[in-house]
N, C-alpha and C. Protein backbone atom coordinates (compact mmCIF):
# COMPACT_ATOMS: atom_id res chain seq x y z
N UNK A 1 -0.89 -15.54 -17.43
CA UNK A 1 0.36 -14.93 -16.97
C UNK A 1 1.48 -15.94 -17.10
N UNK A 2 2.64 -15.57 -17.68
CA UNK A 2 3.74 -16.50 -17.84
C UNK A 2 5.02 -15.85 -17.38
N UNK A 3 6.12 -16.63 -17.45
CA UNK A 3 7.40 -16.14 -16.95
C UNK A 3 7.95 -15.00 -17.77
N UNK A 4 7.33 -14.69 -18.89
CA UNK A 4 7.77 -13.56 -19.68
C UNK A 4 7.23 -12.24 -19.16
N UNK A 5 6.31 -12.28 -18.17
CA UNK A 5 5.75 -11.05 -17.63
C UNK A 5 6.83 -10.27 -16.91
N UNK A 6 6.95 -8.99 -17.21
CA UNK A 6 7.93 -8.14 -16.53
C UNK A 6 7.26 -6.81 -16.20
N UNK A 7 7.61 -6.28 -15.03
CA UNK A 7 7.05 -5.01 -14.60
C UNK A 7 8.22 -4.09 -14.29
N UNK A 8 8.27 -2.96 -14.93
CA UNK A 8 9.42 -2.05 -14.80
C UNK A 8 9.50 -1.50 -13.39
N UNK A 9 10.67 -1.63 -12.76
CA UNK A 9 10.87 -1.09 -11.42
C UNK A 9 11.46 0.29 -11.44
N UNK A 10 12.12 0.68 -12.52
CA UNK A 10 12.80 1.98 -12.55
C UNK A 10 11.81 3.12 -12.40
N UNK A 11 10.64 2.98 -13.00
CA UNK A 11 9.65 4.05 -12.90
C UNK A 11 9.19 4.25 -11.48
N UNK A 12 8.95 3.14 -10.76
CA UNK A 12 8.52 3.26 -9.37
C UNK A 12 9.61 3.86 -8.52
N UNK A 13 10.88 3.49 -8.79
CA UNK A 13 11.98 4.06 -8.03
C UNK A 13 12.05 5.56 -8.27
N UNK A 14 11.85 5.97 -9.52
CA UNK A 14 11.85 7.40 -9.81
C UNK A 14 10.77 8.13 -9.06
N UNK A 15 9.59 7.51 -8.95
CA UNK A 15 8.49 8.13 -8.21
C UNK A 15 8.87 8.32 -6.76
N UNK A 16 9.51 7.29 -6.18
CA UNK A 16 9.87 7.38 -4.77
C UNK A 16 10.90 8.46 -4.55
N UNK A 17 11.89 8.54 -5.44
CA UNK A 17 12.91 9.57 -5.27
C UNK A 17 12.32 10.95 -5.45
N UNK A 18 11.39 11.07 -6.40
CA UNK A 18 10.73 12.36 -6.57
C UNK A 18 9.94 12.70 -5.33
N UNK A 19 9.37 11.69 -4.68
CA UNK A 19 8.58 11.92 -3.48
C UNK A 19 9.40 12.39 -2.31
N UNK A 20 10.75 12.25 -2.37
CA UNK A 20 11.59 12.67 -1.27
C UNK A 20 11.93 14.14 -1.32
N UNK A 21 11.39 14.85 -2.27
CA UNK A 21 11.58 16.29 -2.33
C UNK A 21 10.61 16.98 -1.39
N UNK A 22 11.14 17.58 -0.33
CA UNK A 22 10.28 18.17 0.68
C UNK A 22 9.36 19.24 0.12
N UNK A 23 9.89 20.11 -0.72
CA UNK A 23 9.07 21.20 -1.26
C UNK A 23 7.94 20.68 -2.12
N UNK A 24 8.28 19.74 -3.02
CA UNK A 24 7.25 19.21 -3.90
C UNK A 24 6.16 18.50 -3.15
N UNK A 25 6.54 17.70 -2.16
CA UNK A 25 5.55 16.96 -1.41
C UNK A 25 4.72 17.88 -0.51
N UNK A 26 5.34 18.96 -0.01
CA UNK A 26 4.58 19.92 0.79
C UNK A 26 3.46 20.52 -0.04
N UNK A 27 3.77 20.90 -1.29
CA UNK A 27 2.74 21.47 -2.16
C UNK A 27 1.66 20.44 -2.46
N UNK A 28 2.08 19.18 -2.71
CA UNK A 28 1.13 18.13 -3.01
C UNK A 28 0.21 17.89 -1.82
N UNK A 29 0.80 17.74 -0.63
CA UNK A 29 -0.01 17.47 0.55
C UNK A 29 -0.94 18.63 0.87
N UNK A 30 -0.47 19.85 0.65
CA UNK A 30 -1.31 21.01 0.93
C UNK A 30 -2.55 21.02 0.05
N UNK A 31 -2.38 20.55 -1.17
CA UNK A 31 -3.51 20.52 -2.09
C UNK A 31 -4.51 19.43 -1.71
N UNK A 32 -4.00 18.32 -1.19
CA UNK A 32 -4.87 17.18 -0.89
C UNK A 32 -5.40 17.23 0.53
N UNK A 33 -4.56 17.66 1.47
CA UNK A 33 -4.90 17.58 2.89
C UNK A 33 -4.72 18.92 3.60
N UNK A 34 -5.30 19.99 3.13
CA UNK A 34 -5.02 21.30 3.71
C UNK A 34 -5.46 21.41 5.16
N UNK A 35 -6.47 20.63 5.56
CA UNK A 35 -7.00 20.79 6.92
C UNK A 35 -6.32 19.89 7.93
N UNK A 36 -5.42 18.99 7.48
CA UNK A 36 -4.87 18.00 8.39
C UNK A 36 -3.47 18.34 8.89
N UNK A 37 -2.62 18.90 8.05
CA UNK A 37 -1.25 19.12 8.42
C UNK A 37 -0.83 20.55 8.10
N UNK A 38 -0.05 21.15 9.01
CA UNK A 38 0.54 22.44 8.71
C UNK A 38 1.73 22.23 7.80
N UNK A 39 2.18 23.31 7.18
CA UNK A 39 3.35 23.22 6.32
C UNK A 39 4.55 22.73 7.11
N UNK A 40 4.71 23.22 8.34
CA UNK A 40 5.85 22.80 9.17
C UNK A 40 5.80 21.31 9.46
N UNK A 41 4.62 20.78 9.74
CA UNK A 41 4.49 19.35 10.01
C UNK A 41 4.84 18.52 8.79
N UNK A 42 4.42 18.99 7.62
CA UNK A 42 4.74 18.25 6.41
C UNK A 42 6.24 18.31 6.11
N UNK A 43 6.84 19.47 6.33
CA UNK A 43 8.27 19.58 6.11
C UNK A 43 9.06 18.69 7.05
N UNK A 44 8.64 18.60 8.32
CA UNK A 44 9.32 17.74 9.29
C UNK A 44 9.18 16.27 8.90
N UNK A 45 8.00 15.90 8.42
CA UNK A 45 7.81 14.52 7.97
C UNK A 45 8.72 14.21 6.78
N UNK A 46 8.83 15.15 5.84
CA UNK A 46 9.68 14.94 4.67
C UNK A 46 11.14 14.78 5.09
N UNK A 47 11.59 15.60 6.05
CA UNK A 47 12.97 15.50 6.53
C UNK A 47 13.20 14.18 7.25
N UNK A 48 12.21 13.73 8.02
CA UNK A 48 12.34 12.46 8.73
C UNK A 48 12.45 11.29 7.76
N UNK A 49 11.62 11.32 6.73
CA UNK A 49 11.66 10.25 5.73
C UNK A 49 12.99 10.27 4.99
N UNK A 50 13.43 11.46 4.57
CA UNK A 50 14.69 11.55 3.84
C UNK A 50 15.85 11.07 4.69
N UNK A 51 15.86 11.43 5.99
CA UNK A 51 16.92 10.99 6.88
C UNK A 51 16.95 9.48 7.03
N UNK A 52 15.77 8.87 7.13
CA UNK A 52 15.70 7.41 7.26
C UNK A 52 16.21 6.73 5.99
N UNK A 53 15.85 7.28 4.84
CA UNK A 53 16.32 6.71 3.57
C UNK A 53 17.84 6.81 3.48
N UNK A 54 18.39 7.96 3.85
CA UNK A 54 19.83 8.15 3.81
C UNK A 54 20.56 7.20 4.75
N UNK A 55 19.89 6.79 5.83
CA UNK A 55 20.51 5.91 6.82
C UNK A 55 20.28 4.42 6.53
N UNK A 56 19.73 4.12 5.35
CA UNK A 56 19.58 2.73 4.94
C UNK A 56 18.30 2.06 5.34
N UNK A 57 17.29 2.83 5.74
CA UNK A 57 16.01 2.26 6.14
C UNK A 57 15.35 1.54 4.97
N UNK A 58 14.52 0.52 5.26
CA UNK A 58 13.68 -0.02 4.19
C UNK A 58 12.84 1.09 3.56
N UNK A 59 12.56 0.96 2.28
CA UNK A 59 11.83 1.99 1.55
C UNK A 59 10.74 1.33 0.71
N UNK A 60 9.55 1.89 0.77
CA UNK A 60 8.47 1.50 -0.14
C UNK A 60 7.93 2.77 -0.78
N UNK A 61 7.08 2.61 -1.77
CA UNK A 61 6.39 3.74 -2.36
C UNK A 61 4.92 3.40 -2.43
N UNK A 62 4.07 4.38 -2.10
CA UNK A 62 2.63 4.22 -2.24
C UNK A 62 2.16 5.19 -3.32
N UNK A 63 1.37 4.66 -4.25
CA UNK A 63 0.85 5.46 -5.35
C UNK A 63 -0.67 5.46 -5.26
N UNK A 64 -1.26 6.63 -5.06
CA UNK A 64 -2.72 6.75 -5.04
C UNK A 64 -3.18 6.76 -6.49
N UNK A 65 -3.56 5.60 -6.96
CA UNK A 65 -3.81 5.39 -8.39
C UNK A 65 -4.85 6.36 -8.93
N UNK A 66 -5.96 6.51 -8.22
CA UNK A 66 -7.06 7.33 -8.72
C UNK A 66 -6.74 8.82 -8.66
N UNK A 67 -5.73 9.21 -7.89
CA UNK A 67 -5.37 10.63 -7.77
C UNK A 67 -4.09 10.97 -8.53
N UNK A 68 -3.35 9.96 -8.95
CA UNK A 68 -2.10 10.20 -9.64
C UNK A 68 -1.04 10.81 -8.76
N UNK A 69 -1.04 10.44 -7.45
CA UNK A 69 -0.07 10.98 -6.50
C UNK A 69 0.76 9.85 -5.93
N UNK A 70 1.97 10.17 -5.45
CA UNK A 70 2.82 9.15 -4.89
C UNK A 70 3.64 9.72 -3.75
N UNK A 71 4.12 8.82 -2.89
CA UNK A 71 4.94 9.24 -1.76
C UNK A 71 5.87 8.12 -1.36
N UNK A 72 7.13 8.46 -1.05
CA UNK A 72 8.04 7.49 -0.46
C UNK A 72 7.62 7.20 0.97
N UNK A 73 7.85 5.97 1.42
CA UNK A 73 7.46 5.54 2.75
C UNK A 73 8.63 4.89 3.47
N UNK A 74 8.74 5.15 4.78
CA UNK A 74 9.72 4.44 5.61
C UNK A 74 9.00 3.94 6.86
N UNK A 75 9.42 2.79 7.42
CA UNK A 75 8.78 2.27 8.62
C UNK A 75 9.19 3.06 9.86
N UNK A 76 8.21 3.39 10.70
CA UNK A 76 8.52 4.14 11.91
C UNK A 76 8.09 3.40 13.18
N UNK A 77 7.32 2.33 13.04
CA UNK A 77 6.86 1.61 14.23
C UNK A 77 6.37 0.22 13.83
N UNK A 78 6.53 -0.74 14.73
CA UNK A 78 5.96 -2.08 14.55
C UNK A 78 5.33 -2.51 15.86
N UNK A 79 4.08 -2.95 15.79
CA UNK A 79 3.35 -3.38 16.97
C UNK A 79 2.56 -4.64 16.65
N UNK A 80 2.97 -5.76 17.22
CA UNK A 80 2.28 -7.03 17.04
C UNK A 80 2.09 -7.39 15.56
N UNK A 81 3.14 -7.19 14.82
CA UNK A 81 3.13 -7.57 13.42
C UNK A 81 2.61 -6.53 12.47
N UNK A 82 2.10 -5.41 12.99
CA UNK A 82 1.62 -4.32 12.13
C UNK A 82 2.71 -3.26 12.04
N UNK A 83 3.15 -2.98 10.81
CA UNK A 83 4.18 -1.98 10.58
C UNK A 83 3.53 -0.69 10.10
N UNK A 84 3.87 0.42 10.75
CA UNK A 84 3.37 1.73 10.34
C UNK A 84 4.45 2.44 9.54
N UNK A 85 4.07 2.88 8.34
CA UNK A 85 4.98 3.57 7.42
C UNK A 85 4.61 5.04 7.35
N UNK A 86 5.62 5.91 7.38
CA UNK A 86 5.43 7.36 7.31
C UNK A 86 5.73 7.85 5.90
N UNK A 87 4.82 8.67 5.36
CA UNK A 87 5.03 9.29 4.06
C UNK A 87 5.60 10.69 4.21
N UNK A 88 6.15 11.23 3.15
CA UNK A 88 6.78 12.54 3.22
C UNK A 88 5.77 13.66 3.44
N UNK A 89 4.47 13.38 3.28
CA UNK A 89 3.45 14.40 3.54
C UNK A 89 2.87 14.29 4.94
N UNK A 90 3.41 13.36 5.77
CA UNK A 90 2.92 13.19 7.12
C UNK A 90 1.85 12.12 7.25
N UNK A 91 1.34 11.60 6.16
CA UNK A 91 0.34 10.54 6.21
C UNK A 91 1.02 9.23 6.59
N UNK A 92 0.22 8.25 7.05
CA UNK A 92 0.77 6.95 7.40
C UNK A 92 -0.06 5.83 6.77
N UNK A 93 0.62 4.74 6.50
CA UNK A 93 0.01 3.52 5.98
C UNK A 93 0.48 2.38 6.88
N UNK A 94 -0.47 1.60 7.41
CA UNK A 94 -0.12 0.47 8.27
C UNK A 94 -0.36 -0.82 7.52
N UNK A 95 0.61 -1.74 7.62
CA UNK A 95 0.52 -3.00 6.89
C UNK A 95 0.80 -4.18 7.81
N UNK A 96 0.20 -5.31 7.46
CA UNK A 96 0.53 -6.59 8.08
C UNK A 96 0.91 -7.54 6.96
N UNK A 97 2.17 -7.95 6.94
CA UNK A 97 2.69 -8.83 5.88
C UNK A 97 2.39 -8.28 4.48
N UNK A 98 2.46 -6.94 4.33
CA UNK A 98 2.25 -6.32 3.04
C UNK A 98 0.81 -5.98 2.70
N UNK A 99 -0.13 -6.40 3.54
CA UNK A 99 -1.54 -6.06 3.34
C UNK A 99 -1.87 -4.80 4.13
N UNK A 100 -2.50 -3.83 3.48
CA UNK A 100 -2.82 -2.57 4.14
C UNK A 100 -3.99 -2.77 5.10
N UNK A 101 -3.78 -2.41 6.37
CA UNK A 101 -4.82 -2.60 7.38
C UNK A 101 -5.33 -1.28 7.95
N UNK A 102 -4.68 -0.16 7.63
CA UNK A 102 -5.17 1.15 8.10
C UNK A 102 -4.40 2.25 7.38
N UNK A 103 -5.04 3.42 7.25
CA UNK A 103 -4.36 4.62 6.76
C UNK A 103 -4.78 5.80 7.61
N UNK A 104 -3.93 6.81 7.63
CA UNK A 104 -4.26 8.07 8.30
C UNK A 104 -3.70 9.22 7.46
N UNK A 105 -4.52 10.23 7.25
CA UNK A 105 -4.06 11.42 6.57
C UNK A 105 -4.19 11.41 5.07
N UNK A 106 -4.82 10.38 4.50
CA UNK A 106 -5.00 10.33 3.05
C UNK A 106 -6.32 10.94 2.62
N UNK A 107 -7.24 11.13 3.58
CA UNK A 107 -8.58 11.61 3.25
C UNK A 107 -9.48 10.43 2.94
N UNK A 108 -10.60 10.29 3.67
CA UNK A 108 -11.46 9.13 3.52
C UNK A 108 -10.77 7.87 3.96
N UNK A 109 -10.07 7.95 5.09
CA UNK A 109 -9.17 6.88 5.50
C UNK A 109 -9.85 5.57 5.84
N UNK A 110 -9.08 4.50 5.67
CA UNK A 110 -9.44 3.18 6.15
C UNK A 110 -9.04 3.12 7.62
N UNK A 111 -10.02 3.09 8.53
CA UNK A 111 -9.70 3.09 9.95
C UNK A 111 -9.05 1.78 10.37
N UNK A 112 -9.56 0.67 9.86
CA UNK A 112 -8.99 -0.64 10.18
C UNK A 112 -9.52 -1.66 9.18
N UNK A 113 -8.77 -2.73 9.00
CA UNK A 113 -9.21 -3.81 8.13
C UNK A 113 -8.78 -5.14 8.74
N UNK A 114 -9.70 -6.09 8.74
CA UNK A 114 -9.38 -7.46 9.13
C UNK A 114 -9.15 -8.25 7.85
N UNK A 115 -7.88 -8.55 7.57
CA UNK A 115 -7.51 -9.24 6.34
C UNK A 115 -6.84 -10.57 6.67
N UNK A 116 -7.14 -11.12 7.83
CA UNK A 116 -6.45 -12.32 8.29
C UNK A 116 -6.69 -13.51 7.37
N UNK A 117 -7.91 -13.66 6.86
CA UNK A 117 -8.20 -14.79 5.99
C UNK A 117 -7.48 -14.65 4.65
N UNK A 118 -7.47 -13.44 4.11
CA UNK A 118 -6.72 -13.18 2.88
C UNK A 118 -5.24 -13.47 3.08
N UNK A 119 -4.70 -13.00 4.19
CA UNK A 119 -3.28 -13.17 4.48
C UNK A 119 -2.89 -14.65 4.54
N UNK A 120 -3.76 -15.45 5.15
CA UNK A 120 -3.46 -16.88 5.29
C UNK A 120 -3.31 -17.55 3.93
N UNK A 121 -4.21 -17.26 3.01
CA UNK A 121 -4.12 -17.88 1.68
C UNK A 121 -2.95 -17.33 0.87
N UNK A 122 -2.71 -16.03 0.97
CA UNK A 122 -1.61 -15.44 0.21
C UNK A 122 -0.27 -15.98 0.69
N UNK A 123 -0.10 -16.13 2.00
CA UNK A 123 1.15 -16.66 2.52
C UNK A 123 1.41 -18.07 2.01
N UNK A 124 0.33 -18.84 1.84
CA UNK A 124 0.46 -20.20 1.33
C UNK A 124 0.41 -20.27 -0.18
N UNK A 125 0.13 -19.11 -0.84
CA UNK A 125 -0.07 -19.05 -2.29
C UNK A 125 -1.10 -20.07 -2.74
N UNK A 126 -2.25 -20.05 -2.05
CA UNK A 126 -3.32 -20.99 -2.36
C UNK A 126 -4.59 -20.24 -2.74
N UNK A 127 -5.37 -20.75 -3.69
CA UNK A 127 -6.66 -20.14 -4.03
C UNK A 127 -7.71 -20.52 -2.99
N UNK A 128 -8.82 -19.77 -3.00
CA UNK A 128 -9.91 -20.08 -2.09
C UNK A 128 -10.82 -18.89 -1.90
N UNK A 129 -11.85 -19.07 -1.09
CA UNK A 129 -12.81 -18.00 -0.80
C UNK A 129 -12.63 -17.55 0.64
N UNK A 130 -12.60 -16.23 0.85
CA UNK A 130 -12.37 -15.67 2.18
C UNK A 130 -13.33 -14.50 2.40
N UNK A 131 -13.32 -13.99 3.62
CA UNK A 131 -14.00 -12.74 3.94
C UNK A 131 -12.98 -11.74 4.44
N UNK A 132 -13.23 -10.47 4.14
CA UNK A 132 -12.44 -9.38 4.73
C UNK A 132 -13.41 -8.32 5.22
N UNK A 133 -12.95 -7.52 6.19
CA UNK A 133 -13.81 -6.52 6.83
C UNK A 133 -13.09 -5.18 6.87
N UNK A 134 -13.74 -4.12 6.37
CA UNK A 134 -13.19 -2.77 6.35
C UNK A 134 -14.02 -1.88 7.28
N UNK A 135 -13.34 -1.12 8.14
CA UNK A 135 -14.02 -0.15 8.99
C UNK A 135 -13.66 1.25 8.51
N UNK A 136 -14.69 2.03 8.17
CA UNK A 136 -14.50 3.38 7.64
C UNK A 136 -15.39 4.35 8.39
N UNK A 137 -15.10 5.64 8.23
CA UNK A 137 -15.96 6.67 8.80
C UNK A 137 -17.08 7.00 7.84
N UNK A 138 -18.30 7.10 8.35
CA UNK A 138 -19.44 7.50 7.53
C UNK A 138 -19.53 9.02 7.49
N UNK A 139 -20.50 9.53 6.75
CA UNK A 139 -20.68 10.97 6.63
C UNK A 139 -21.00 11.65 7.94
N UNK A 140 -21.61 10.92 8.88
CA UNK A 140 -21.92 11.51 10.19
C UNK A 140 -20.88 11.13 11.22
N UNK A 141 -19.67 10.81 10.76
CA UNK A 141 -18.51 10.53 11.63
C UNK A 141 -18.79 9.36 12.55
N UNK A 142 -19.37 8.32 12.02
CA UNK A 142 -19.56 7.08 12.76
C UNK A 142 -18.74 5.98 12.08
N UNK A 143 -18.19 5.07 12.90
CA UNK A 143 -17.43 3.96 12.35
C UNK A 143 -18.38 2.91 11.79
N UNK A 144 -18.16 2.53 10.55
CA UNK A 144 -19.02 1.56 9.87
C UNK A 144 -18.16 0.43 9.34
N UNK A 145 -18.45 -0.81 9.78
CA UNK A 145 -17.69 -1.97 9.33
C UNK A 145 -18.45 -2.68 8.22
N UNK A 146 -17.78 -2.89 7.10
CA UNK A 146 -18.40 -3.51 5.94
C UNK A 146 -17.70 -4.82 5.62
N UNK A 147 -18.49 -5.84 5.29
CA UNK A 147 -17.96 -7.17 4.99
C UNK A 147 -17.92 -7.40 3.49
N UNK A 148 -16.89 -8.10 3.04
CA UNK A 148 -16.75 -8.45 1.63
C UNK A 148 -16.37 -9.93 1.51
N UNK A 149 -16.94 -10.57 0.52
CA UNK A 149 -16.56 -11.94 0.18
C UNK A 149 -15.58 -11.86 -0.99
N UNK A 150 -14.47 -12.60 -0.87
CA UNK A 150 -13.41 -12.48 -1.88
C UNK A 150 -12.97 -13.86 -2.37
N UNK A 151 -12.82 -13.97 -3.68
CA UNK A 151 -12.29 -15.17 -4.30
C UNK A 151 -10.84 -14.92 -4.69
N UNK A 152 -9.95 -15.74 -4.16
CA UNK A 152 -8.52 -15.60 -4.44
C UNK A 152 -8.12 -16.67 -5.45
N UNK A 153 -7.47 -16.23 -6.53
CA UNK A 153 -7.03 -17.15 -7.57
C UNK A 153 -5.55 -16.96 -7.85
N UNK A 154 -4.94 -17.99 -8.38
CA UNK A 154 -3.52 -17.99 -8.72
C UNK A 154 -3.37 -17.75 -10.22
N UNK A 155 -2.76 -16.61 -10.59
CA UNK A 155 -2.58 -16.29 -12.00
C UNK A 155 -1.23 -16.72 -12.55
N UNK A 156 -0.48 -17.46 -11.75
CA UNK A 156 0.74 -18.06 -12.27
C UNK A 156 2.01 -17.28 -11.97
N UNK A 157 3.15 -17.83 -12.41
CA UNK A 157 4.46 -17.23 -12.12
C UNK A 157 4.78 -16.08 -13.05
N UNK A 158 5.78 -15.30 -12.65
CA UNK A 158 6.24 -14.19 -13.48
C UNK A 158 7.54 -13.67 -12.94
N UNK A 159 7.99 -12.55 -13.48
CA UNK A 159 9.23 -11.90 -13.05
C UNK A 159 8.92 -10.43 -12.78
N UNK A 160 9.33 -9.96 -11.61
CA UNK A 160 9.14 -8.56 -11.24
C UNK A 160 10.49 -7.87 -11.19
N UNK A 161 10.62 -6.78 -11.93
CA UNK A 161 11.86 -6.01 -11.93
C UNK A 161 11.86 -5.04 -10.76
N UNK A 162 12.87 -5.16 -9.89
CA UNK A 162 13.06 -4.26 -8.76
C UNK A 162 14.40 -3.54 -8.92
N UNK A 163 14.61 -2.45 -8.17
CA UNK A 163 15.88 -1.73 -8.31
C UNK A 163 17.11 -2.60 -8.09
N UNK A 164 16.99 -3.65 -7.23
CA UNK A 164 18.15 -4.50 -6.98
C UNK A 164 18.18 -5.74 -7.87
N UNK A 165 17.29 -5.78 -8.88
CA UNK A 165 17.32 -6.88 -9.83
C UNK A 165 15.98 -7.59 -9.93
N UNK A 166 15.85 -8.52 -10.86
CA UNK A 166 14.59 -9.24 -11.07
C UNK A 166 14.32 -10.24 -9.95
N UNK A 167 13.03 -10.45 -9.67
CA UNK A 167 12.62 -11.44 -8.67
C UNK A 167 11.55 -12.34 -9.28
N UNK A 168 11.66 -13.63 -9.02
CA UNK A 168 10.62 -14.56 -9.42
C UNK A 168 9.42 -14.39 -8.49
N UNK A 169 8.26 -14.27 -9.09
CA UNK A 169 7.06 -14.01 -8.29
C UNK A 169 5.90 -14.88 -8.75
N UNK A 170 4.85 -14.85 -7.96
CA UNK A 170 3.57 -15.46 -8.33
C UNK A 170 2.51 -14.38 -8.16
N UNK A 171 1.67 -14.21 -9.17
CA UNK A 171 0.62 -13.21 -9.12
C UNK A 171 -0.66 -13.83 -8.58
N UNK A 172 -1.14 -13.30 -7.45
CA UNK A 172 -2.40 -13.75 -6.86
C UNK A 172 -3.43 -12.64 -7.02
N UNK A 173 -4.65 -13.01 -7.36
CA UNK A 173 -5.73 -12.06 -7.61
C UNK A 173 -6.83 -12.27 -6.57
N UNK A 174 -7.29 -11.17 -5.98
CA UNK A 174 -8.38 -11.22 -4.99
C UNK A 174 -9.56 -10.41 -5.53
N UNK A 175 -10.63 -11.11 -5.88
CA UNK A 175 -11.83 -10.50 -6.46
C UNK A 175 -12.91 -10.43 -5.38
N UNK A 176 -13.25 -9.21 -4.94
CA UNK A 176 -14.12 -9.02 -3.78
C UNK A 176 -15.43 -8.34 -4.16
N UNK A 177 -16.48 -8.70 -3.42
CA UNK A 177 -17.76 -8.04 -3.62
C UNK A 177 -18.52 -8.00 -2.30
N UNK A 178 -19.33 -6.94 -2.15
CA UNK A 178 -20.15 -6.76 -0.98
C UNK A 178 -21.36 -5.92 -1.34
N UNK A 179 -22.15 -5.56 -0.32
CA UNK A 179 -23.37 -4.79 -0.58
C UNK A 179 -23.07 -3.41 -1.14
N UNK A 180 -21.92 -2.82 -0.74
CA UNK A 180 -21.62 -1.44 -1.13
C UNK A 180 -20.63 -1.31 -2.28
N UNK A 181 -19.84 -2.35 -2.54
CA UNK A 181 -18.78 -2.17 -3.53
C UNK A 181 -18.26 -3.51 -4.04
N UNK A 182 -17.64 -3.45 -5.22
CA UNK A 182 -16.88 -4.57 -5.77
C UNK A 182 -15.50 -4.05 -6.14
N UNK A 183 -14.48 -4.85 -5.93
CA UNK A 183 -13.13 -4.38 -6.23
C UNK A 183 -12.20 -5.57 -6.47
N UNK A 184 -11.03 -5.26 -7.03
CA UNK A 184 -10.05 -6.27 -7.38
C UNK A 184 -8.70 -5.87 -6.77
N UNK A 185 -8.09 -6.79 -6.04
CA UNK A 185 -6.75 -6.60 -5.50
C UNK A 185 -5.78 -7.54 -6.19
N UNK A 186 -4.56 -7.06 -6.44
CA UNK A 186 -3.52 -7.85 -7.10
C UNK A 186 -2.28 -7.88 -6.23
N UNK A 187 -1.64 -9.06 -6.16
CA UNK A 187 -0.46 -9.22 -5.30
C UNK A 187 0.63 -9.96 -6.07
N UNK A 188 1.80 -9.33 -6.19
CA UNK A 188 2.96 -9.97 -6.77
C UNK A 188 3.82 -10.48 -5.61
N UNK A 189 3.87 -11.80 -5.42
CA UNK A 189 4.43 -12.39 -4.21
C UNK A 189 5.72 -13.13 -4.54
N UNK A 190 6.77 -12.88 -3.75
CA UNK A 190 8.07 -13.53 -3.97
C UNK A 190 7.95 -15.04 -3.79
N UNK A 191 8.50 -15.79 -4.74
CA UNK A 191 8.47 -17.24 -4.65
C UNK A 191 9.26 -17.75 -3.45
N UNK A 192 10.32 -17.05 -3.11
CA UNK A 192 11.25 -17.56 -2.11
C UNK A 192 10.68 -17.54 -0.69
N UNK A 193 10.05 -16.41 -0.29
CA UNK A 193 9.64 -16.29 1.11
C UNK A 193 8.21 -15.77 1.29
N UNK A 194 7.46 -15.57 0.21
CA UNK A 194 6.08 -15.13 0.35
C UNK A 194 5.90 -13.65 0.60
N UNK A 195 6.98 -12.85 0.47
CA UNK A 195 6.87 -11.41 0.66
C UNK A 195 6.05 -10.79 -0.48
N UNK A 196 5.11 -9.91 -0.13
CA UNK A 196 4.38 -9.17 -1.15
C UNK A 196 5.26 -8.01 -1.61
N UNK A 197 5.80 -8.12 -2.81
CA UNK A 197 6.74 -7.12 -3.32
C UNK A 197 6.04 -5.95 -3.99
N UNK A 198 4.87 -6.20 -4.52
CA UNK A 198 4.14 -5.17 -5.29
C UNK A 198 2.67 -5.53 -5.20
N UNK A 199 1.81 -4.54 -5.03
CA UNK A 199 0.38 -4.85 -4.92
C UNK A 199 -0.45 -3.66 -5.35
N UNK A 200 -1.68 -3.98 -5.74
CA UNK A 200 -2.72 -2.98 -5.96
C UNK A 200 -3.86 -3.34 -5.02
N UNK A 201 -4.18 -2.42 -4.07
CA UNK A 201 -5.16 -2.73 -3.04
C UNK A 201 -6.21 -1.62 -2.97
N UNK A 202 -7.47 -2.02 -2.87
CA UNK A 202 -8.59 -1.09 -2.77
C UNK A 202 -8.82 -0.75 -1.30
N UNK A 203 -8.87 0.56 -0.99
CA UNK A 203 -8.97 0.99 0.40
C UNK A 203 -10.30 1.65 0.73
N UNK A 204 -11.21 1.75 -0.21
CA UNK A 204 -12.49 2.37 0.07
C UNK A 204 -12.93 3.27 -1.06
N UNK A 205 -14.18 3.76 -0.99
CA UNK A 205 -14.73 4.56 -2.08
C UNK A 205 -14.04 5.91 -2.27
N UNK A 206 -13.45 6.45 -1.22
CA UNK A 206 -12.79 7.76 -1.34
C UNK A 206 -11.38 7.63 -1.87
N UNK A 207 -10.58 6.75 -1.27
CA UNK A 207 -9.18 6.58 -1.69
C UNK A 207 -9.09 5.77 -2.97
N UNK A 208 -9.95 4.77 -3.10
CA UNK A 208 -9.89 3.89 -4.27
C UNK A 208 -8.72 2.93 -4.18
N UNK A 209 -8.15 2.60 -5.33
CA UNK A 209 -7.02 1.67 -5.37
C UNK A 209 -5.70 2.41 -5.17
N UNK A 210 -4.80 1.77 -4.44
CA UNK A 210 -3.45 2.29 -4.30
C UNK A 210 -2.47 1.19 -4.70
N UNK A 211 -1.31 1.61 -5.17
CA UNK A 211 -0.23 0.69 -5.46
C UNK A 211 0.80 0.81 -4.36
N UNK A 212 1.20 -0.33 -3.79
CA UNK A 212 2.24 -0.35 -2.76
C UNK A 212 3.37 -1.22 -3.26
N UNK A 213 4.57 -0.66 -3.29
CA UNK A 213 5.71 -1.37 -3.87
C UNK A 213 6.93 -1.28 -2.97
N UNK A 214 7.54 -2.43 -2.72
CA UNK A 214 8.78 -2.47 -1.95
C UNK A 214 9.94 -2.09 -2.85
N UNK A 215 10.71 -1.08 -2.43
CA UNK A 215 11.87 -0.67 -3.21
C UNK A 215 13.18 -1.13 -2.60
N UNK A 216 13.24 -1.12 -1.26
CA UNK A 216 14.46 -1.57 -0.57
C UNK A 216 14.05 -2.28 0.71
N UNK A 217 14.35 -3.57 0.84
CA UNK A 217 13.95 -4.32 2.04
C UNK A 217 14.73 -3.89 3.27
């Protein structure tokens, strides 16, 4: 990876703006989550997200890579460093320093994740070996915590294109394996303050990989 690496931000911005259409997202959510949210609840969530965006709220976009779906996100709560983001379909994604630690309403949700060791190395932009722990629901509705060993490597500097202009970044790679799964997480981290501006994170066998991208801080 070199400083010539560029990732187009306009496409992600277009996805987020498309996700702010209440009607379109209602249809999308109904197809994916028919048993979780009523149409009225999804419409209210879409209106809440659109209102927050119009009022200058921070904005991110989450893309469910394996499903080809996307949704604009706005923060609605922060508790002890964990920020909960609301999507236009009523689903939520919780993050700590840009690392996803829980989801609700996506189907096959990640109930909780302990990513403290990963976070420590990413904040320092240092390679090393860590453990992470994911808690998910099993088929018999029991909480099951799974451990993964992860090797974090530094893939070097680059440039990330965002709606407000290019940012110098460092790409960190997290290669994880456990008894049940192997997966790869990617993090594009701002050189200036360690903010994760763009990432691909694996959330479990049902959701798979998602892309989380900051559009407006």
